[in-house]
Amino acid sequence: MLKSPPGLPLMRQRWSQLLFAHWPVAPELLRPYLPERLELDLFDGQAWLGVVPFTMSHIRPLGLPAVPGLHHLHELNVRTYARLNGVPGVWFLSLDASLALGVWAARTFFHLPYLHARMSLTQTGDTLSATATRTHRGIAHAEFAATWTLGEALPASRPGTLQHFLTERYYLYTAGPDLQRAVRGNGLWRGKLYHEPWALREASLSEWESTLVESHGLPTPLGKPLLYAADALDVWVQEFRRL
């Protein structure tokens, strides 16, 4: 198990049952979804859009016990990639989550665009199934259903490869829980995460139905997604500060 990072991290979590699903997207389609200060992070001139379901558990502030009702949830995020002053990170269009208290805490204390949703994520052997129905008031409705099967372990991600670019991200950017206001606003926060490199696996889809991307006014991604499944790992939120 990875030792805790130096200093005094803010929070510890465990991420499991995770699937990275990505599509290449024209940069001009995604640029309007980022604040002016952020640069869209590209790989060989191409932007990427991701949909990532997973389970978050063992949630607790460092030095404190787990908060009742706030230690386990399912999450489903829509993301792209950005950088500021050379520091690459994740930019979230939305993060649907199954726990109302967790949504409130993330929006209030971490300024992230979390949204209420009814969600499930189950695993039988090497097959996983996730469903989600967005229930957040005042936000475009979205639904999601996917089933995937885990495959062979992949070699460790090497810097400079697309696999590394899409998965090895240790910073996140946010500008507030309301995405439209965040894009127009001036406030910007950066969170720093600490964890071991992902242990990735091949994955194959047997079901994929989603209106998550379309709920943001983006066109339906074309073609099959590039998939990576991930083994469970422990994650520390090491830092969260305004820029």
C-alpha atoms as a PDB file:
ATOM      1  CA  MET A   1       0.000   0.000   0.000  1.00  0.00           C
ATOM      2  CA  LEU A   2       1.242   3.457  -0.886  1.00  0.00           C
ATOM      3  CA  LYS A   3       2.478   5.517   2.040  1.00  0.00           C
ATOM      4  CA  SER A   4       0.691   8.786   2.659  1.00  0.00           C
ATOM      5  CA  PRO A   5       2.215  11.830   0.943  1.00  0.00           C
ATOM      6  CA  PRO A   6       4.435  14.325   2.720  1.00  0.00           C
ATOM      7  CA  GLY A   7       2.779  17.233   4.465  1.00  0.00           C
ATOM      8  CA  LEU A   8      -0.810  17.194   5.644  1.00  0.00           C
ATOM      9  CA  PRO A   9      -3.190  15.948   2.926  1.00  0.00           C
ATOM     10  CA  LEU A  10      -6.812  17.024   3.018  1.00  0.00           C
ATOM     11  CA  MET A  11      -8.567  13.736   2.352  1.00  0.00           C
ATOM     12  CA  ARG A  12      -8.110  10.069   1.570  1.00  0.00           C
ATOM     13  CA  GLN A  13     -10.252   7.971  -0.795  1.00  0.00           C
ATOM     14  CA  ARG A  14     -10.215   4.639  -2.603  1.00  0.00           C
ATOM     15  CA  TRP A  15     -11.201   4.473  -6.273  1.00  0.00           C
ATOM     16  CA  SER A  16     -12.318   1.138  -7.715  1.00  0.00           C
ATOM     17  CA  GLN A  17     -14.359  -0.422 -10.546  1.00  0.00           C
ATOM     18  CA  LEU A  18     -13.127   2.383 -12.802  1.00  0.00           C
ATOM     19  CA  LEU A  19     -13.423   2.597 -16.570  1.00  0.00           C
ATOM     20  CA  PHE A  20     -11.788   5.252 -18.756  1.00  0.00           C
ATOM     21  CA  ALA A  21     -13.760   5.716 -22.014  1.00  0.00           C
ATOM     22  CA  HIS A  22     -12.355   8.355 -24.387  1.00  0.00           C
ATOM     23  CA  TRP A  23     -13.057   9.771 -27.826  1.00  0.00           C
ATOM     24  CA  PRO A  24     -10.988  12.168 -29.939  1.00  0.00           C
ATOM     25  CA  VAL A  25     -12.777  15.499 -30.357  1.00  0.00           C
ATOM     26  CA  ALA A  26     -11.978  18.548 -32.455  1.00  0.00           C
ATOM     27  CA  PRO A  27     -10.362  21.174 -30.192  1.00  0.00           C
ATOM     28  CA  GLU A  28     -12.710  23.904 -31.392  1.00  0.00           C
ATOM     29  CA  LEU A  29     -15.682  21.953 -30.004  1.00  0.00           C
ATOM     30  CA  LEU A  30     -14.270  21.786 -26.472  1.00  0.00           C
ATOM     31  CA  ARG A  31     -12.519  25.157 -26.224  1.00  0.00           C
ATOM     32  CA  PRO A  32     -15.769  27.043 -25.283  1.00  0.00           C
ATOM     33  CA  TYR A  33     -16.181  24.767 -22.231  1.00  0.00           C
ATOM     34  CA  LEU A  34     -12.989  26.002 -20.566  1.00  0.00           C
ATOM     35  CA  PRO A  35     -12.290  29.342 -18.868  1.00  0.00           C
ATOM     36  CA  GLU A  36     -10.109  31.728 -20.853  1.00  0.00           C
ATOM     37  CA  ARG A  37      -7.156  31.249 -18.476  1.00  0.00           C
ATOM     38  CA  LEU A  38      -6.961  27.521 -19.160  1.00  0.00           C
ATOM     39  CA  GLU A  39      -5.284  26.049 -22.211  1.00  0.00           C
ATOM     40  CA  LEU A  40      -6.902  22.982 -23.756  1.00  0.00           C
ATOM     41  CA  ASP A  41      -4.408  20.125 -23.395  1.00  0.00           C
ATOM     42  CA  LEU A  42      -3.915  18.298 -26.699  1.00  0.00           C
ATOM     43  CA  PHE A  43      -2.181  15.101 -27.765  1.00  0.00           C
ATOM     44  CA  ASP A  44      -0.640  15.426 -31.225  1.00  0.00           C
ATOM     45  CA  GLY A  45      -3.010  18.331 -31.888  1.00  0.00           C
ATOM     46  CA  GLN A  46      -6.090  16.364 -30.845  1.00  0.00           C
ATOM     47  CA  ALA A  47      -8.435  17.035 -27.907  1.00  0.00           C
ATOM     48  CA  TRP A  48      -9.990  14.164 -25.981  1.00  0.00           C
ATOM     49  CA  LEU A  49     -13.319  13.787 -24.194  1.00  0.00           C
ATOM     50  CA  GLY A  50     -13.735  11.174 -21.475  1.00  0.00           C
ATOM     51  CA  VAL A  51     -16.594   9.498 -19.624  1.00  0.00           C
ATOM     52  CA  VAL A  52     -15.428   7.791 -16.439  1.00  0.00           C
ATOM     53  CA  PRO A  53     -17.619   5.709 -14.089  1.00  0.00           C
ATOM     54  CA  PHE A  54     -16.190   4.398 -10.810  1.00  0.00           C
ATOM     55  CA  THR A  55     -16.833   3.757  -7.127  1.00  0.00           C
ATOM     56  CA  MET A  56     -15.334   6.009  -4.454  1.00  0.00           C
ATOM     57  CA  SER A  57     -15.071   4.524  -0.964  1.00  0.00           C
ATOM     58  CA  HIS A  58     -13.142   4.838   2.324  1.00  0.00           C
ATOM     59  CA  ILE A  59     -13.662   8.606   2.104  1.00  0.00           C
ATOM     60  CA  ARG A  60     -12.395  10.459   5.133  1.00  0.00           C
ATOM     61  CA  PRO A  61     -10.552  13.656   6.033  1.00  0.00           C
ATOM     62  CA  LEU A  62      -7.025  12.873   7.196  1.00  0.00           C
ATOM     63  CA  GLY A  63      -6.789  12.479  10.936  1.00  0.00           C
ATOM     64  CA  LEU A  64     -10.560  12.081  11.319  1.00  0.00           C
ATOM     65  CA  PRO A  65     -12.873   9.076  11.178  1.00  0.00           C
ATOM     66  CA  ALA A  66     -15.127   8.476   8.208  1.00  0.00           C
ATOM     67  CA  VAL A  67     -18.165  10.754   8.212  1.00  0.00           C
ATOM     68  CA  PRO A  68     -21.384   8.713   8.515  1.00  0.00           C
ATOM     69  CA  GLY A  69     -23.256   8.781   5.223  1.00  0.00           C
ATOM     70  CA  LEU A  70     -20.270  10.245   3.380  1.00  0.00           C
ATOM     71  CA  HIS A  71     -17.799   7.395   2.960  1.00  0.00           C
ATOM     72  CA  HIS A  72     -19.048   5.560  -0.158  1.00  0.00           C
ATOM     73  CA  LEU A  73     -20.561   6.695  -3.470  1.00  0.00           C
ATOM     74  CA  HIS A  74     -20.653   6.000  -7.194  1.00  0.00           C
ATOM     75  CA  GLU A  75     -19.443   8.679  -9.588  1.00  0.00           C
ATOM     76  CA  LEU A  76     -19.667   9.298 -13.311  1.00  0.00           C
ATOM     77  CA  ASN A  77     -17.720  12.198 -14.754  1.00  0.00           C
ATOM     78  CA  VAL A  78     -17.438  13.858 -18.150  1.00  0.00           C
ATOM     79  CA  ARG A  79     -14.008  15.361 -18.611  1.00  0.00           C
ATOM     80  CA  THR A  80     -11.399  16.811 -20.893  1.00  0.00           C
ATOM     81  CA  TYR A  81      -7.838  17.937 -20.280  1.00  0.00           C
ATOM     82  CA  ALA A  82      -6.334  21.345 -19.640  1.00  0.00           C
ATOM     83  CA  ARG A  83      -3.150  23.016 -18.522  1.00  0.00           C
ATOM     84  CA  LEU A  84      -2.152  26.248 -16.846  1.00  0.00           C
ATOM     85  CA  ASN A  85       1.421  27.522 -16.787  1.00  0.00           C
ATOM     86  CA  GLY A  86       2.607  24.159 -18.018  1.00  0.00           C
ATOM     87  CA  VAL A  87       0.799  22.115 -15.331  1.00  0.00           C
ATOM     88  CA  PRO A  88      -1.510  19.498 -16.932  1.00  0.00           C
ATOM     89  CA  GLY A  89      -4.773  18.515 -15.266  1.00  0.00           C
ATOM     90  CA  VAL A  90      -8.364  17.408 -15.653  1.00  0.00           C
ATOM     91  CA  TRP A  91     -11.234  19.775 -16.434  1.00  0.00           C
ATOM     92  CA  PHE A  92     -14.680  18.392 -15.572  1.00  0.00           C
ATOM     93  CA  LEU A  93     -17.805  19.269 -17.511  1.00  0.00           C
ATOM     94  CA  SER A  94     -19.848  17.387 -14.917  1.00  0.00           C
ATOM     95  CA  LEU A  95     -19.559  14.853 -12.113  1.00  0.00           C
ATOM     96  CA  ASP A  96     -22.747  12.912 -11.405  1.00  0.00           C
ATOM     97  CA  ALA A  97     -22.760  11.174  -8.006  1.00  0.00           C
ATOM     98  CA  SER A  98     -25.084   8.940  -6.049  1.00  0.00           C
ATOM     99  CA  LEU A  99     -24.796  10.556  -2.616  1.00  0.00           C
ATOM    100  CA  ALA A 100     -26.625  13.832  -1.962  1.00  0.00           C
ATOM    101  CA  LEU A 101     -24.414  14.797   0.971  1.00  0.00           C
ATOM    102  CA  GLY A 102     -21.294  14.122  -1.094  1.00  0.00           C
ATOM    103  CA  VAL A 103     -22.620  16.298  -3.926  1.00  0.00           C
ATOM    104  CA  TRP A 104     -23.289  19.146  -1.506  1.00  0.00           C
ATOM    105  CA  ALA A 105     -19.844  18.851   0.110  1.00  0.00           C
ATOM    106  CA  ALA A 106     -17.984  18.744  -3.213  1.00  0.00           C
ATOM    107  CA  ARG A 107     -19.880  21.738  -4.610  1.00  0.00           C
ATOM    108  CA  THR A 108     -19.523  23.737  -1.386  1.00  0.00           C
ATOM    109  CA  PHE A 109     -15.936  23.061  -0.326  1.00  0.00           C
ATOM    110  CA  PHE A 110     -14.202  22.062  -3.573  1.00  0.00           C
ATOM    111  CA  HIS A 111     -16.178  24.178  -6.101  1.00  0.00           C
ATOM    112  CA  LEU A 112     -16.661  21.173  -8.393  1.00  0.00           C
ATOM    113  CA  PRO A 113     -19.664  20.729 -10.742  1.00  0.00           C
ATOM    114  CA  TYR A 114     -21.125  17.702  -8.956  1.00  0.00           C
ATOM    115  CA  LEU A 115     -24.731  16.764  -9.763  1.00  0.00           C
ATOM    116  CA  HIS A 116     -27.308  14.542  -8.060  1.00  0.00           C
ATOM    117  CA  ALA A 117     -28.014  11.214  -9.762  1.00  0.00           C
ATOM    118  CA  ARG A 118     -29.448   7.789  -9.043  1.00  0.00           C
ATOM    119  CA  MET A 119     -26.606   5.379  -9.728  1.00  0.00           C
ATOM    120  CA  SER A 120     -25.570   1.762  -9.439  1.00  0.00           C
ATOM    121  CA  LEU A 121     -22.278   0.024 -10.187  1.00  0.00           C
ATOM    122  CA  THR A 122     -22.060  -3.734  -9.743  1.00  0.00           C
ATOM    123  CA  GLN A 123     -19.493  -6.411 -10.517  1.00  0.00           C
ATOM    124  CA  THR A 124     -19.907 -10.139 -11.157  1.00  0.00           C
ATOM    125  CA  GLY A 125     -16.604 -11.809 -11.838  1.00  0.00           C
ATOM    126  CA  ASP A 126     -14.869  -9.791 -14.551  1.00  0.00           C
ATOM    127  CA  THR A 127     -18.064  -8.101 -15.779  1.00  0.00           C
ATOM    128  CA  LEU A 128     -19.173  -4.703 -14.475  1.00  0.00           C
ATOM    129  CA  SER A 129     -22.411  -2.793 -15.068  1.00  0.00           C
ATOM    130  CA  ALA A 130     -23.134   0.853 -14.303  1.00  0.00           C
ATOM    131  CA  THR A 131     -26.347   2.850 -14.605  1.00  0.00           C
ATOM    132  CA  ALA A 132     -27.141   6.477 -13.838  1.00  0.00           C
ATOM    133  CA  THR A 133     -30.105   8.817 -14.106  1.00  0.00           C
ATOM    134  CA  ARG A 134     -29.424  12.488 -13.399  1.00  0.00           C
ATOM    135  CA  THR A 135     -31.907  14.022 -10.963  1.00  0.00           C
ATOM    136  CA  HIS A 136     -30.285  17.411 -10.296  1.00  0.00           C
ATOM    137  CA  ARG A 137     -32.796  20.249 -10.533  1.00  0.00           C
ATOM    138  CA  GLY A 138     -32.274  22.911 -13.164  1.00  0.00           C
ATOM    139  CA  ILE A 139     -29.736  20.830 -15.115  1.00  0.00           C
ATOM    140  CA  ALA A 140     -30.228  19.049 -18.429  1.00  0.00           C
ATOM    141  CA  HIS A 141     -31.399  15.470 -17.914  1.00  0.00           C
ATOM    142  CA  ALA A 142     -28.978  12.656 -18.734  1.00  0.00           C
ATOM    143  CA  GLU A 143     -28.960   8.873 -18.524  1.00  0.00           C
ATOM    144  CA  PHE A 144     -26.222   6.283 -18.727  1.00  0.00           C
ATOM    145  CA  ALA A 145     -25.974   2.492 -18.931  1.00  0.00           C
ATOM    146  CA  ALA A 146     -22.844   0.484 -19.667  1.00  0.00           C
ATOM    147  CA  THR A 147     -21.554  -3.049 -19.246  1.00  0.00           C
ATOM    148  CA  TRP A 148     -17.928  -3.955 -19.730  1.00  0.00           C
ATOM    149  CA  THR A 149     -15.660  -6.950 -19.208  1.00  0.00           C
ATOM    150  CA  LEU A 150     -12.138  -6.766 -17.846  1.00  0.00           C
ATOM    151  CA  GLY A 151      -9.312  -8.085 -19.991  1.00  0.00           C
ATOM    152  CA  GLU A 152      -5.588  -8.627 -19.736  1.00  0.00           C
ATOM    153  CA  ALA A 153      -3.300  -6.389 -17.699  1.00  0.00           C
ATOM    154  CA  LEU A 154      -1.557  -3.692 -19.750  1.00  0.00           C
ATOM    155  CA  PRO A 155       2.084  -2.611 -19.442  1.00  0.00           C
ATOM    156  CA  ALA A 156       2.761   0.400 -17.245  1.00  0.00           C
ATOM    157  CA  SER A 157       1.983   3.686 -18.971  1.00  0.00           C
ATOM    158  CA  ARG A 158       5.029   5.392 -20.448  1.00  0.00           C
ATOM    159  CA  PRO A 159       5.332   9.201 -20.548  1.00  0.00           C
ATOM    160  CA  GLY A 160       4.734  10.505 -24.038  1.00  0.00           C
ATOM    161  CA  THR A 161       2.128   7.877 -24.927  1.00  0.00           C
ATOM    162  CA  LEU A 162      -1.590   8.455 -25.365  1.00  0.00           C
ATOM    163  CA  GLN A 163      -2.317   5.961 -22.574  1.00  0.00           C
ATOM    164  CA  HIS A 164      -0.236   8.038 -20.151  1.00  0.00           C
ATOM    165  CA  PHE A 165      -1.740  11.320 -21.380  1.00  0.00           C
ATOM    166  CA  LEU A 166      -5.318  10.155 -20.772  1.00  0.00           C
ATOM    167  CA  THR A 167      -4.887   8.438 -17.413  1.00  0.00           C
ATOM    168  CA  GLU A 168      -1.909   9.757 -15.444  1.00  0.00           C
ATOM    169  CA  ARG A 169      -3.352  13.064 -14.254  1.00  0.00           C
ATOM    170  CA  TYR A 170      -2.421  14.389 -10.810  1.00  0.00           C
ATOM    171  CA  TYR A 171      -4.099  17.794 -10.903  1.00  0.00           C
ATOM    172  CA  LEU A 172      -7.633  19.009 -11.477  1.00  0.00           C
ATOM    173  CA  TYR A 173      -8.936  22.463 -12.323  1.00  0.00           C
ATOM    174  CA  THR A 174     -12.294  23.949 -11.436  1.00  0.00           C
ATOM    175  CA  ALA A 175     -13.877  27.386 -11.415  1.00  0.00           C
ATOM    176  CA  GLY A 176     -17.111  26.713  -9.549  1.00  0.00           C
ATOM    177  CA  PRO A 177     -20.001  24.248  -9.455  1.00  0.00           C
ATOM    178  CA  ASP A 178     -21.986  25.999 -12.216  1.00  0.00           C
ATOM    179  CA  LEU A 179     -20.171  25.172 -15.459  1.00  0.00           C
ATOM    180  CA  GLN A 180     -21.574  28.108 -17.468  1.00  0.00           C
ATOM    181  CA  ARG A 181     -20.655  30.611 -14.767  1.00  0.00           C
ATOM    182  CA  ALA A 182     -17.289  28.898 -14.322  1.00  0.00           C
ATOM    183  CA  VAL A 183     -16.431  29.395 -17.982  1.00  0.00           C
ATOM    184  CA  ARG A 184     -17.339  33.100 -17.769  1.00  0.00           C
ATOM    185  CA  GLY A 185     -15.837  33.729 -14.327  1.00  0.00           C
ATOM    186  CA  ASN A 186     -12.354  34.639 -13.191  1.00  0.00           C
ATOM    187  CA  GLY A 187     -11.992  32.396 -10.136  1.00  0.00           C
ATOM    188  CA  LEU A 188      -9.908  29.267 -10.650  1.00  0.00           C
ATOM    189  CA  TRP A 189      -8.859  26.501  -8.244  1.00  0.00           C
ATOM    190  CA  ARG A 190      -6.359  23.697  -8.665  1.00  0.00           C
ATOM    191  CA  GLY A 191      -6.422  20.445  -6.713  1.00  0.00           C
ATOM    192  CA  LYS A 192      -3.413  18.161  -6.388  1.00  0.00           C
ATOM    193  CA  LEU A 193      -3.817  14.389  -6.078  1.00  0.00           C
ATOM    194  CA  TYR A 194      -1.338  11.795  -4.889  1.00  0.00           C
ATOM    195  CA  HIS A 195      -1.493   8.102  -5.815  1.00  0.00           C
ATOM    196  CA  GLU A 196       0.437   5.298  -7.436  1.00  0.00           C
ATOM    197  CA  PRO A 197       0.381   5.030 -11.231  1.00  0.00           C
ATOM    198  CA  TRP A 198      -2.715   3.284 -12.529  1.00  0.00           C
ATOM    199  CA  ALA A 199      -2.628  -0.478 -13.048  1.00  0.00           C
ATOM    200  CA  LEU A 200      -4.616  -0.639 -16.285  1.00  0.00           C
ATOM    201  CA  ARG A 201      -6.371  -3.462 -18.086  1.00  0.00           C
ATOM    202  CA  GLU A 202      -7.953  -4.020 -21.447  1.00  0.00           C
ATOM    203  CA  ALA A 203     -11.746  -3.747 -21.472  1.00  0.00           C
ATOM    204  CA  SER A 204     -14.521  -4.624 -23.909  1.00  0.00           C
ATOM    205  CA  LEU A 205     -18.026  -3.166 -24.030  1.00  0.00           C
ATOM    206  CA  SER A 206     -21.209  -5.183 -24.391  1.00  0.00           C
ATOM    207  CA  GLU A 207     -23.518  -2.230 -23.672  1.00  0.00           C
ATOM    208  CA  TRP A 208     -23.183   1.553 -23.912  1.00  0.00           C
ATOM    209  CA  GLU A 209     -26.099   3.959 -23.872  1.00  0.00           C
ATOM    210  CA  SER A 210     -25.487   7.518 -22.775  1.00  0.00           C
ATOM    211  CA  THR A 211     -26.770  11.056 -23.131  1.00  0.00           C
ATOM    212  CA  LEU A 212     -24.139  12.543 -20.810  1.00  0.00           C
ATOM    213  CA  VAL A 213     -22.094  14.220 -23.525  1.00  0.00           C
ATOM    214  CA  GLU A 214     -25.190  15.437 -25.350  1.00  0.00           C
ATOM    215  CA  SER A 215     -26.547  16.994 -22.128  1.00  0.00           C
ATOM    216  CA  HIS A 216     -23.743  19.560 -22.419  1.00  0.00           C
ATOM    217  CA  GLY A 217     -24.760  20.541 -25.942  1.00  0.00           C
ATOM    218  CA  LEU A 218     -21.957  18.543 -27.551  1.00  0.00           C
ATOM    219  CA  PRO A 219     -22.527  16.178 -30.490  1.00  0.00           C
ATOM    220  CA  THR A 220     -22.629  12.442 -29.901  1.00  0.00           C
ATOM    221  CA  PRO A 221     -19.051  11.081 -30.038  1.00  0.00           C
ATOM    222  CA  LEU A 222     -18.329   9.137 -33.185  1.00  0.00           C
ATOM    223  CA  GLY A 223     -17.001   5.611 -33.235  1.00  0.00           C
ATOM    224  CA  LYS A 224     -16.100   3.229 -30.442  1.00  0.00           C
ATOM    225  CA  PRO A 225     -14.382   4.695 -27.374  1.00  0.00           C
ATOM    226  CA  LEU A 226     -10.808   3.957 -26.423  1.00  0.00           C
ATOM    227  CA  LEU A 227     -11.104   1.911 -23.226  1.00  0.00           C
ATOM    228  CA  TYR A 228      -8.907   1.311 -20.200  1.00  0.00           C
ATOM    229  CA  ALA A 229     -10.163  -0.408 -17.057  1.00  0.00           C
ATOM    230  CA  ALA A 230      -8.272   0.243 -13.833  1.00  0.00           C
ATOM    231  CA  ASP A 231      -7.517  -1.715 -10.694  1.00  0.00           C
ATOM    232  CA  ALA A 232      -8.420  -0.150  -7.341  1.00  0.00           C
ATOM    233  CA  LEU A 233      -6.041   2.319  -5.736  1.00  0.00           C
ATOM    234  CA  ASP A 234      -5.857   4.699  -2.789  1.00  0.00           C
ATOM    235  CA  VAL A 235      -5.912   8.430  -3.521  1.00  0.00           C
ATOM    236  CA  TRP A 236      -5.029  11.404  -1.361  1.00  0.00           C
ATOM    237  CA  VAL A 237      -6.288  14.926  -2.043  1.00  0.00           C
ATOM    238  CA  GLN A 238      -3.020  16.626  -1.205  1.00  0.00           C
ATOM    239  CA  GLU A 239      -3.799  20.251  -1.925  1.00  0.00           C
ATOM    240  CA  PHE A 240      -6.638  22.490  -3.089  1.00  0.00           C
ATOM    241  CA  ARG A 241      -5.984  26.182  -3.584  1.00  0.00           C
ATOM    242  CA  ARG A 242      -7.178  29.205  -5.494  1.00  0.00           C
ATOM    243  CA  LEU A 243      -4.945  30.412  -8.301  1.00  0.00           C
END
